[in-house]
Amino acid sequence: MKHEEASGILNYTVSYLSLEMENIKFFKNVSGNNVIKFLKAISPNTSYFLYLYKEVGRKYEWTDWLRSEKSKLESFLTDDKVILYSLILRGLPKGFFVLDYRNLPVCDLAYFGLFDDVIGKGIGKLMMNRVFEEVIEKGDAKTLTVNTNTLDHKSALPLYQKAGFNIYKTETHKRSASSQLENKEYL
């Protein structure tokens, strides 16, 4: 799916997806590579989160938190029901996901993304399996939700659907393209 850009305005479609826990589809034949680890962050600081957020979202207009008040992000990150996991490859962060348990029995996969240099190597499937393992282990959620949009990587929606998520709602939106200042922050 493509987005339209005219005079700095982006038109895009958001897809909201859900998955009942009993319908999870683990990806098969995914290497549990011993050079990949997942680290759970305890009250991560905003600079670490924003580093991951910018690295993953630089091409996909992930700018909401850059335009937000720092105190809102701090409140989100330090909530005991919001858990950030970093994907570590050979000792370096290469992706992350955030599970938001604030609205149980629904758990929202609030963020899920990889750095550019590891996309297309099957690591997204490995990370989705880890998401499922974490949610099952916690045991409180009956439904897992996620949203993606046409500004995100083209493989995002198909990955979620292959994992068993179903679209329950779509919305069209418009927004300003990221400013030059925000783009400079991404360099």
N, C-alpha and C. Protein backbone atom coordinates (compact mmCIF):
# COMPACT_ATOMS: atom_id res chain seq x y z
N MET A 1 0.84 -1.18 0.00
CA MET A 1 0.00 0.00 0.00
C MET A 1 0.88 1.24 0.00
N LYS A 2 0.42 2.24 -0.67
CA LYS A 2 1.19 3.47 -0.76
C LYS A 2 0.42 4.60 -0.09
N HIS A 3 1.17 5.61 0.29
CA HIS A 3 0.52 6.80 0.83
C HIS A 3 0.73 7.94 -0.15
N GLU A 4 -0.17 8.86 -0.12
CA GLU A 4 -0.08 10.02 -1.00
C GLU A 4 0.54 11.17 -0.24
N GLU A 5 1.39 11.92 -0.92
CA GLU A 5 1.98 13.10 -0.31
C GLU A 5 1.77 14.26 -1.25
N ALA A 6 1.09 15.26 -0.78
CA ALA A 6 0.88 16.47 -1.57
C ALA A 6 1.10 17.66 -0.66
N SER A 7 2.01 18.50 -1.05
CA SER A 7 2.31 19.73 -0.30
C SER A 7 2.52 19.50 1.20
N GLY A 8 3.28 18.45 1.55
CA GLY A 8 3.60 18.21 2.94
C GLY A 8 2.51 17.54 3.75
N ILE A 9 1.40 17.17 3.12
CA ILE A 9 0.31 16.48 3.81
C ILE A 9 0.34 15.02 3.39
N LEU A 10 0.30 14.12 4.37
CA LEU A 10 0.29 12.69 4.11
C LEU A 10 -1.11 12.14 4.32
N ASN A 11 -1.59 11.39 3.36
CA ASN A 11 -2.85 10.67 3.48
C ASN A 11 -2.50 9.20 3.71
N TYR A 12 -3.09 8.59 4.73
CA TYR A 12 -2.75 7.21 5.03
C TYR A 12 -3.94 6.51 5.67
N THR A 13 -3.88 5.19 5.67
CA THR A 13 -4.93 4.37 6.25
C THR A 13 -4.35 3.59 7.42
N VAL A 14 -5.06 3.63 8.54
CA VAL A 14 -4.68 2.86 9.73
C VAL A 14 -5.54 1.61 9.77
N SER A 15 -4.89 0.46 9.98
CA SER A 15 -5.60 -0.80 10.17
C SER A 15 -5.45 -1.23 11.62
N TYR A 16 -6.57 -1.51 12.26
CA TYR A 16 -6.59 -1.99 13.63
C TYR A 16 -6.85 -3.49 13.59
N LEU A 17 -6.01 -4.24 14.27
CA LEU A 17 -6.09 -5.70 14.22
C LEU A 17 -6.20 -6.27 15.62
N SER A 18 -6.81 -7.45 15.71
CA SER A 18 -6.90 -8.13 17.00
C SER A 18 -6.69 -9.63 16.78
N LEU A 19 -6.35 -10.28 17.88
CA LEU A 19 -6.07 -11.72 17.86
C LEU A 19 -6.48 -12.29 19.21
N GLU A 20 -7.40 -13.23 19.19
CA GLU A 20 -7.75 -13.94 20.42
C GLU A 20 -6.60 -14.88 20.73
N MET A 21 -6.21 -14.96 21.99
CA MET A 21 -5.01 -15.70 22.37
C MET A 21 -5.05 -17.16 21.92
N GLU A 22 -6.24 -17.76 21.88
CA GLU A 22 -6.30 -19.16 21.46
C GLU A 22 -6.06 -19.33 19.96
N ASN A 23 -6.03 -18.22 19.21
CA ASN A 23 -5.82 -18.29 17.75
C ASN A 23 -4.41 -17.87 17.32
N ILE A 24 -3.50 -17.77 18.26
CA ILE A 24 -2.12 -17.40 17.93
C ILE A 24 -1.53 -18.41 16.95
N LYS A 25 -0.80 -17.89 15.99
CA LYS A 25 -0.10 -18.75 15.02
C LYS A 25 1.40 -18.47 15.13
N PHE A 26 2.08 -19.32 15.89
CA PHE A 26 3.53 -19.20 15.98
C PHE A 26 4.13 -19.47 14.61
N PHE A 27 5.16 -18.73 14.27
CA PHE A 27 5.87 -18.97 13.03
C PHE A 27 6.74 -20.21 13.21
N LYS A 28 6.67 -21.12 12.25
CA LYS A 28 7.44 -22.37 12.29
C LYS A 28 8.79 -22.15 11.61
N ASN A 29 9.71 -23.03 11.92
CA ASN A 29 11.04 -23.03 11.30
C ASN A 29 11.74 -21.68 11.40
N VAL A 30 11.56 -21.03 12.55
CA VAL A 30 12.23 -19.76 12.80
C VAL A 30 13.42 -20.06 13.69
N SER A 31 14.58 -19.69 13.21
CA SER A 31 15.80 -19.97 13.95
C SER A 31 15.83 -19.18 15.25
N GLY A 32 16.07 -19.85 16.34
CA GLY A 32 16.24 -19.20 17.64
C GLY A 32 17.71 -18.83 17.80
N ASN A 33 18.23 -18.16 16.84
CA ASN A 33 19.63 -17.80 16.73
C ASN A 33 20.22 -17.39 18.08
N ASN A 34 21.36 -18.00 18.45
CA ASN A 34 21.94 -17.71 19.76
C ASN A 34 22.65 -16.36 19.82
N VAL A 35 22.72 -15.62 18.71
CA VAL A 35 23.29 -14.28 18.76
C VAL A 35 22.19 -13.22 18.96
N ILE A 36 20.94 -13.67 19.08
CA ILE A 36 19.82 -12.77 19.33
C ILE A 36 19.30 -13.00 20.74
N LYS A 37 19.16 -11.91 21.47
CA LYS A 37 18.60 -11.95 22.82
C LYS A 37 17.49 -10.90 22.90
N PHE A 38 16.58 -11.10 23.81
CA PHE A 38 15.55 -10.11 24.10
C PHE A 38 15.72 -9.66 25.54
N LEU A 39 15.88 -8.37 25.73
CA LEU A 39 16.07 -7.83 27.07
C LEU A 39 14.85 -7.01 27.48
N LYS A 40 14.33 -7.33 28.65
CA LYS A 40 13.20 -6.59 29.21
C LYS A 40 13.76 -5.38 29.94
N ALA A 41 13.27 -4.21 29.60
CA ALA A 41 13.72 -2.97 30.25
C ALA A 41 12.85 -2.69 31.47
N ILE A 42 13.50 -2.29 32.55
CA ILE A 42 12.79 -1.89 33.75
C ILE A 42 12.80 -0.36 33.79
N SER A 43 11.64 0.24 33.66
CA SER A 43 11.50 1.71 33.63
C SER A 43 12.54 2.37 32.70
N PRO A 44 12.46 2.07 31.41
CA PRO A 44 13.44 2.67 30.49
C PRO A 44 13.33 4.18 30.44
N ASN A 45 14.46 4.84 30.23
CA ASN A 45 14.39 6.30 30.14
C ASN A 45 13.97 6.72 28.73
N THR A 46 13.57 7.95 28.60
CA THR A 46 13.04 8.44 27.33
C THR A 46 14.09 8.44 26.23
N SER A 47 15.34 8.73 26.56
CA SER A 47 16.37 8.80 25.51
C SER A 47 16.60 7.43 24.89
N TYR A 48 16.58 6.37 25.68
CA TYR A 48 16.76 5.02 25.12
C TYR A 48 15.56 4.66 24.23
N PHE A 49 14.37 4.88 24.74
CA PHE A 49 13.18 4.59 23.94
C PHE A 49 13.21 5.38 22.63
N LEU A 50 13.51 6.67 22.70
CA LEU A 50 13.53 7.50 21.50
C LEU A 50 14.61 7.07 20.52
N TYR A 51 15.72 6.58 21.02
CA TYR A 51 16.75 6.02 20.12
C TYR A 51 16.16 4.87 19.32
N LEU A 52 15.52 3.91 19.99
CA LEU A 52 14.91 2.77 19.29
C LEU A 52 13.81 3.24 18.35
N TYR A 53 12.96 4.10 18.84
CA TYR A 53 11.82 4.64 18.09
C TYR A 53 12.27 5.32 16.80
N LYS A 54 13.31 6.15 16.90
CA LYS A 54 13.82 6.86 15.73
C LYS A 54 14.48 5.92 14.74
N GLU A 55 15.26 4.97 15.25
CA GLU A 55 15.93 4.03 14.36
C GLU A 55 14.94 3.18 13.57
N VAL A 56 13.91 2.72 14.24
CA VAL A 56 12.89 1.91 13.56
C VAL A 56 12.03 2.78 12.65
N GLY A 57 11.63 3.95 13.14
CA GLY A 57 10.60 4.74 12.46
C GLY A 57 11.07 5.81 11.50
N ARG A 58 12.37 5.92 11.29
CA ARG A 58 12.88 7.04 10.47
C ARG A 58 12.26 7.12 9.09
N LYS A 59 11.94 6.01 8.46
CA LYS A 59 11.37 6.01 7.11
C LYS A 59 9.84 5.97 7.10
N TYR A 60 9.25 5.84 8.28
CA TYR A 60 7.82 5.54 8.34
C TYR A 60 7.00 6.59 9.08
N GLU A 61 7.55 7.78 9.23
CA GLU A 61 6.83 8.90 9.86
C GLU A 61 6.47 8.61 11.31
N TRP A 62 7.34 7.89 12.03
CA TRP A 62 7.13 7.70 13.46
C TRP A 62 7.59 8.98 14.15
N THR A 63 6.69 9.92 14.30
CA THR A 63 7.05 11.22 14.89
C THR A 63 6.14 11.62 16.05
N ASP A 64 5.14 10.82 16.36
CA ASP A 64 4.19 11.20 17.41
C ASP A 64 4.88 11.52 18.73
N TRP A 65 5.80 10.67 19.17
CA TRP A 65 6.47 10.91 20.45
C TRP A 65 7.45 12.07 20.35
N LEU A 66 7.94 12.37 19.15
CA LEU A 66 8.84 13.51 18.98
C LEU A 66 8.07 14.82 19.11
N ARG A 67 6.79 14.77 18.83
CA ARG A 67 5.93 15.96 18.89
C ARG A 67 5.21 16.06 20.24
N SER A 68 5.44 15.11 21.11
CA SER A 68 4.72 15.03 22.37
C SER A 68 5.55 15.62 23.52
N GLU A 69 4.87 15.88 24.62
CA GLU A 69 5.57 16.36 25.81
C GLU A 69 6.35 15.21 26.44
N LYS A 70 7.55 15.51 26.89
CA LYS A 70 8.42 14.50 27.48
C LYS A 70 7.74 13.83 28.68
N SER A 71 6.99 14.57 29.46
CA SER A 71 6.34 14.01 30.65
C SER A 71 5.33 12.92 30.28
N LYS A 72 4.66 13.06 29.13
CA LYS A 72 3.71 12.03 28.69
C LYS A 72 4.45 10.73 28.34
N LEU A 73 5.58 10.88 27.66
CA LEU A 73 6.37 9.70 27.31
C LEU A 73 6.92 9.05 28.57
N GLU A 74 7.41 9.84 29.50
CA GLU A 74 7.93 9.29 30.76
C GLU A 74 6.84 8.53 31.52
N SER A 75 5.65 9.09 31.54
CA SER A 75 4.53 8.44 32.22
C SER A 75 4.20 7.10 31.55
N PHE A 76 4.21 7.06 30.23
CA PHE A 76 3.95 5.84 29.48
C PHE A 76 5.02 4.79 29.79
N LEU A 77 6.28 5.19 29.69
CA LEU A 77 7.38 4.23 29.84
C LEU A 77 7.54 3.70 31.26
N THR A 78 7.18 4.49 32.25
CA THR A 78 7.39 4.06 33.64
C THR A 78 6.16 3.38 34.24
N ASP A 79 5.10 3.27 33.46
CA ASP A 79 3.92 2.55 33.94
C ASP A 79 4.27 1.06 34.05
N ASP A 80 3.99 0.45 35.18
CA ASP A 80 4.30 -0.96 35.41
C ASP A 80 3.60 -1.89 34.42
N LYS A 81 2.54 -1.41 33.80
CA LYS A 81 1.78 -2.24 32.88
C LYS A 81 2.23 -2.06 31.42
N VAL A 82 3.28 -1.29 31.21
CA VAL A 82 3.85 -1.08 29.88
C VAL A 82 5.28 -1.65 29.92
N ILE A 83 5.55 -2.61 29.05
CA ILE A 83 6.84 -3.31 29.10
C ILE A 83 7.54 -3.23 27.75
N LEU A 84 8.77 -2.73 27.79
CA LEU A 84 9.59 -2.60 26.59
C LEU A 84 10.62 -3.73 26.56
N TYR A 85 10.73 -4.36 25.40
CA TYR A 85 11.72 -5.41 25.16
C TYR A 85 12.60 -4.96 24.00
N SER A 86 13.90 -5.07 24.19
CA SER A 86 14.85 -4.75 23.12
C SER A 86 15.32 -6.04 22.48
N LEU A 87 15.40 -6.05 21.16
CA LEU A 87 16.01 -7.15 20.44
C LEU A 87 17.50 -6.80 20.33
N ILE A 88 18.34 -7.66 20.87
CA ILE A 88 19.78 -7.44 20.86
C ILE A 88 20.41 -8.48 19.94
N LEU A 89 21.14 -8.01 18.94
CA LEU A 89 21.82 -8.89 17.98
C LEU A 89 23.32 -8.62 18.09
N ARG A 90 24.05 -9.65 18.46
CA ARG A 90 25.51 -9.54 18.63
C ARG A 90 25.87 -8.35 19.53
N GLY A 91 25.10 -8.17 20.58
CA GLY A 91 25.38 -7.15 21.58
C GLY A 91 24.84 -5.77 21.29
N LEU A 92 24.17 -5.58 20.14
CA LEU A 92 23.66 -4.26 19.76
C LEU A 92 22.15 -4.29 19.60
N PRO A 93 21.47 -3.21 20.02
CA PRO A 93 20.02 -3.13 19.78
C PRO A 93 19.74 -3.09 18.28
N LYS A 94 18.76 -3.90 17.85
CA LYS A 94 18.38 -3.93 16.43
C LYS A 94 16.87 -3.94 16.24
N GLY A 95 16.13 -3.71 17.32
CA GLY A 95 14.68 -3.66 17.23
C GLY A 95 14.08 -3.65 18.62
N PHE A 96 12.77 -3.53 18.67
CA PHE A 96 12.09 -3.52 19.97
C PHE A 96 10.61 -3.78 19.79
N PHE A 97 9.98 -4.15 20.91
CA PHE A 97 8.52 -4.18 20.97
C PHE A 97 8.08 -3.73 22.35
N VAL A 98 6.87 -3.21 22.41
CA VAL A 98 6.29 -2.73 23.66
C VAL A 98 4.92 -3.38 23.83
N LEU A 99 4.73 -4.01 24.98
CA LEU A 99 3.45 -4.60 25.33
C LEU A 99 2.77 -3.70 26.36
N ASP A 100 1.54 -3.33 26.08
CA ASP A 100 0.77 -2.42 26.93
C ASP A 100 -0.40 -3.19 27.54
N TYR A 101 -0.30 -3.46 28.83
CA TYR A 101 -1.32 -4.22 29.56
C TYR A 101 -2.27 -3.33 30.35
N ARG A 102 -2.35 -2.06 30.04
CA ARG A 102 -3.16 -1.14 30.84
C ARG A 102 -4.66 -1.36 30.70
N ASN A 103 -5.10 -2.09 29.66
CA ASN A 103 -6.54 -2.28 29.44
C ASN A 103 -6.90 -3.77 29.38
N LEU A 104 -6.43 -4.52 30.36
CA LEU A 104 -6.73 -5.96 30.40
C LEU A 104 -8.23 -6.19 30.43
N PRO A 105 -8.70 -7.24 29.79
CA PRO A 105 -8.00 -8.41 29.28
C PRO A 105 -7.39 -8.23 27.89
N VAL A 106 -7.27 -7.00 27.42
CA VAL A 106 -6.63 -6.72 26.14
C VAL A 106 -5.20 -6.27 26.39
N CYS A 107 -4.28 -6.86 25.65
CA CYS A 107 -2.89 -6.40 25.64
C CYS A 107 -2.65 -5.79 24.27
N ASP A 108 -2.13 -4.58 24.25
CA ASP A 108 -1.85 -3.91 22.98
C ASP A 108 -0.35 -4.03 22.67
N LEU A 109 -0.05 -4.52 21.49
CA LEU A 109 1.32 -4.51 20.99
C LEU A 109 1.53 -3.09 20.46
N ALA A 110 1.95 -2.21 21.36
CA ALA A 110 1.99 -0.77 21.08
C ALA A 110 3.06 -0.41 20.06
N TYR A 111 4.19 -1.11 20.09
CA TYR A 111 5.27 -0.87 19.13
C TYR A 111 5.90 -2.20 18.79
N PHE A 112 6.33 -2.31 17.53
CA PHE A 112 6.98 -3.52 17.04
C PHE A 112 7.77 -3.10 15.83
N GLY A 113 9.08 -3.21 15.88
CA GLY A 113 9.85 -2.81 14.72
C GLY A 113 11.31 -3.20 14.80
N LEU A 114 11.91 -3.25 13.62
CA LEU A 114 13.31 -3.62 13.46
C LEU A 114 14.09 -2.50 12.79
N PHE A 115 15.38 -2.45 13.05
CA PHE A 115 16.26 -1.51 12.36
C PHE A 115 16.38 -1.96 10.90
N ASP A 116 16.63 -1.01 10.02
CA ASP A 116 16.69 -1.29 8.58
C ASP A 116 17.62 -2.43 8.21
N ASP A 117 18.79 -2.51 8.85
CA ASP A 117 19.80 -3.48 8.42
C ASP A 117 19.46 -4.92 8.77
N VAL A 118 18.38 -5.17 9.50
CA VAL A 118 18.01 -6.55 9.81
C VAL A 118 16.64 -6.93 9.24
N ILE A 119 16.01 -6.01 8.53
CA ILE A 119 14.71 -6.31 7.91
C ILE A 119 14.92 -7.30 6.76
N GLY A 120 14.00 -8.24 6.64
CA GLY A 120 14.05 -9.20 5.54
C GLY A 120 14.89 -10.44 5.84
N LYS A 121 15.25 -10.63 7.10
CA LYS A 121 16.10 -11.77 7.47
C LYS A 121 15.38 -12.76 8.37
N GLY A 122 14.06 -12.65 8.47
CA GLY A 122 13.28 -13.56 9.29
C GLY A 122 13.25 -13.20 10.76
N ILE A 123 13.88 -12.10 11.13
CA ILE A 123 13.95 -11.71 12.54
C ILE A 123 12.60 -11.20 13.04
N GLY A 124 11.79 -10.62 12.15
CA GLY A 124 10.46 -10.17 12.54
C GLY A 124 9.59 -11.33 13.01
N LYS A 125 9.70 -12.47 12.34
CA LYS A 125 8.95 -13.66 12.75
C LYS A 125 9.44 -14.15 14.10
N LEU A 126 10.74 -14.15 14.29
CA LEU A 126 11.31 -14.55 15.58
C LEU A 126 10.82 -13.62 16.69
N MET A 127 10.80 -12.31 16.40
CA MET A 127 10.35 -11.35 17.40
C MET A 127 8.86 -11.50 17.68
N MET A 128 8.06 -11.79 16.66
CA MET A 128 6.62 -11.99 16.89
C MET A 128 6.40 -13.23 17.75
N ASN A 129 7.17 -14.28 17.51
CA ASN A 129 7.06 -15.45 18.38
C ASN A 129 7.39 -15.08 19.83
N ARG A 130 8.37 -14.21 20.00
CA ARG A 130 8.73 -13.79 21.37
C ARG A 130 7.61 -12.97 22.00
N VAL A 131 6.95 -12.13 21.21
CA VAL A 131 5.78 -11.39 21.71
C VAL A 131 4.76 -12.39 22.25
N PHE A 132 4.44 -13.40 21.45
CA PHE A 132 3.46 -14.39 21.86
C PHE A 132 3.88 -15.10 23.14
N GLU A 133 5.15 -15.50 23.22
CA GLU A 133 5.65 -16.17 24.42
C GLU A 133 5.48 -15.30 25.66
N GLU A 134 5.81 -14.03 25.53
CA GLU A 134 5.72 -13.11 26.67
C GLU A 134 4.26 -12.92 27.12
N VAL A 135 3.36 -12.75 26.17
CA VAL A 135 1.95 -12.54 26.51
C VAL A 135 1.35 -13.80 27.12
N ILE A 136 1.69 -14.95 26.57
CA ILE A 136 1.19 -16.22 27.12
C ILE A 136 1.73 -16.43 28.53
N GLU A 137 3.03 -16.16 28.72
CA GLU A 137 3.64 -16.35 30.04
C GLU A 137 3.01 -15.45 31.10
N LYS A 138 2.72 -14.21 30.74
CA LYS A 138 2.08 -13.30 31.69
C LYS A 138 0.68 -13.80 32.03
N GLY A 139 -0.05 -14.30 31.02
CA GLY A 139 -1.31 -14.99 31.24
C GLY A 139 -2.55 -14.16 31.50
N ASP A 140 -2.45 -12.84 31.53
CA ASP A 140 -3.60 -12.00 31.85
C ASP A 140 -4.46 -11.63 30.65
N ALA A 141 -3.90 -11.68 29.47
CA ALA A 141 -4.59 -11.17 28.28
C ALA A 141 -5.40 -12.27 27.59
N LYS A 142 -6.55 -11.88 27.14
CA LYS A 142 -7.39 -12.76 26.32
C LYS A 142 -7.30 -12.38 24.85
N THR A 143 -6.99 -11.10 24.61
CA THR A 143 -6.91 -10.56 23.25
C THR A 143 -5.65 -9.73 23.11
N LEU A 144 -5.01 -9.86 21.97
CA LEU A 144 -3.84 -9.05 21.64
C LEU A 144 -4.23 -8.16 20.48
N THR A 145 -3.95 -6.85 20.59
CA THR A 145 -4.26 -5.91 19.51
C THR A 145 -2.99 -5.25 19.02
N VAL A 146 -3.07 -4.73 17.82
CA VAL A 146 -1.97 -3.98 17.21
C VAL A 146 -2.58 -3.10 16.14
N ASN A 147 -1.90 -2.03 15.80
CA ASN A 147 -2.33 -1.27 14.62
C ASN A 147 -1.11 -0.96 13.78
N THR A 148 -1.36 -0.78 12.51
CA THR A 148 -0.32 -0.41 11.57
C THR A 148 -0.98 0.51 10.55
N ASN A 149 -0.16 1.16 9.75
CA ASN A 149 -0.74 2.04 8.75
C ASN A 149 0.07 1.98 7.47
N THR A 150 -0.44 2.60 6.44
CA THR A 150 0.18 2.54 5.12
C THR A 150 1.48 3.33 5.04
N LEU A 151 1.86 4.03 6.11
CA LEU A 151 3.17 4.67 6.16
C LEU A 151 4.23 3.71 6.69
N ASP A 152 3.81 2.64 7.38
CA ASP A 152 4.74 1.66 7.94
C ASP A 152 5.35 0.79 6.84
N HIS A 153 6.31 -0.04 7.22
CA HIS A 153 6.94 -0.95 6.26
C HIS A 153 5.88 -1.81 5.60
N LYS A 154 6.06 -2.08 4.32
CA LYS A 154 5.06 -2.82 3.55
C LYS A 154 4.83 -4.24 4.07
N SER A 155 5.77 -4.79 4.84
CA SER A 155 5.62 -6.15 5.36
C SER A 155 4.90 -6.20 6.71
N ALA A 156 4.64 -5.04 7.31
CA ALA A 156 4.04 -5.03 8.66
C ALA A 156 2.67 -5.71 8.67
N LEU A 157 1.76 -5.22 7.86
CA LEU A 157 0.41 -5.79 7.85
C LEU A 157 0.41 -7.28 7.48
N PRO A 158 1.11 -7.70 6.41
CA PRO A 158 1.13 -9.14 6.10
C PRO A 158 1.71 -9.99 7.24
N LEU A 159 2.72 -9.49 7.95
CA LEU A 159 3.29 -10.24 9.06
C LEU A 159 2.24 -10.45 10.15
N TYR A 160 1.53 -9.38 10.51
CA TYR A 160 0.51 -9.50 11.54
C TYR A 160 -0.58 -10.49 11.12
N GLN A 161 -0.98 -10.41 9.86
CA GLN A 161 -2.03 -11.31 9.38
C GLN A 161 -1.57 -12.76 9.37
N LYS A 162 -0.32 -13.02 8.98
CA LYS A 162 0.20 -14.38 8.99
C LYS A 162 0.28 -14.93 10.41
N ALA A 163 0.44 -14.04 11.38
CA ALA A 163 0.51 -14.45 12.79
C ALA A 163 -0.88 -14.70 13.38
N GLY A 164 -1.93 -14.42 12.61
CA GLY A 164 -3.29 -14.70 13.07
C GLY A 164 -4.13 -13.48 13.38
N PHE A 165 -3.55 -12.28 13.30
CA PHE A 165 -4.33 -11.06 13.56
C PHE A 165 -5.32 -10.83 12.42
N ASN A 166 -6.49 -10.30 12.78
CA ASN A 166 -7.52 -9.95 11.80
C ASN A 166 -7.85 -8.47 11.93
N ILE A 167 -8.05 -7.84 10.79
CA ILE A 167 -8.44 -6.43 10.78
C ILE A 167 -9.89 -6.31 11.24
N TYR A 168 -10.12 -5.45 12.23
CA TYR A 168 -11.49 -5.22 12.66
C TYR A 168 -11.97 -3.81 12.36
N LYS A 169 -11.03 -2.92 11.97
CA LYS A 169 -11.43 -1.55 11.65
C LYS A 169 -10.31 -0.89 10.86
N THR A 170 -10.69 -0.02 9.91
CA THR A 170 -9.72 0.82 9.22
C THR A 170 -10.22 2.26 9.26
N GLU A 171 -9.27 3.17 9.25
CA GLU A 171 -9.58 4.60 9.24
C GLU A 171 -8.60 5.30 8.30
N THR A 172 -9.10 6.34 7.63
CA THR A 172 -8.20 7.16 6.82
C THR A 172 -7.89 8.43 7.59
N HIS A 173 -6.65 8.86 7.46
CA HIS A 173 -6.17 10.04 8.19
C HIS A 173 -5.32 10.90 7.28
N LYS A 174 -5.11 12.14 7.72
CA LYS A 174 -4.17 13.06 7.10
C LYS A 174 -3.30 13.62 8.21
N ARG A 175 -2.05 13.91 7.86
CA ARG A 175 -1.16 14.54 8.82
C ARG A 175 -0.07 15.28 8.08
N SER A 176 0.57 16.18 8.76
CA SER A 176 1.71 16.87 8.18
C SER A 176 2.88 15.92 8.12
N ALA A 177 3.64 16.00 7.03
CA ALA A 177 4.87 15.23 6.93
C ALA A 177 5.84 15.74 7.98
N SER A 178 6.76 14.90 8.38
CA SER A 178 7.71 15.32 9.41
C SER A 178 8.48 16.54 8.94
N SER A 179 8.78 17.41 9.89
CA SER A 179 9.47 18.65 9.56
C SER A 179 10.94 18.40 9.32
N GLN A 180 11.62 19.37 8.76
CA GLN A 180 13.06 19.26 8.55
C GLN A 180 13.78 19.02 9.87
N LEU A 181 13.35 19.67 10.93
CA LEU A 181 13.98 19.50 12.23
C LEU A 181 13.87 18.05 12.68
N GLU A 182 12.69 17.46 12.56
CA GLU A 182 12.52 16.06 12.96
C GLU A 182 13.39 15.16 12.08
N ASN A 183 13.47 15.46 10.77
CA ASN A 183 14.31 14.66 9.89
C ASN A 183 15.77 14.75 10.29
N LYS A 184 16.23 15.91 10.70
CA LYS A 184 17.62 16.06 11.13
C LYS A 184 17.88 15.19 12.36
N GLU A 185 16.91 15.10 13.25
CA GLU A 185 17.08 14.27 14.42
C GLU A 185 17.27 12.81 14.03
N TYR A 186 16.74 12.41 12.91
CA TYR A 186 16.83 11.02 12.49
C TYR A 186 18.18 10.68 11.86
N LEU A 187 18.97 11.66 11.50
CA LEU A 187 20.23 11.38 10.82
C LEU A 187 21.28 10.84 11.76
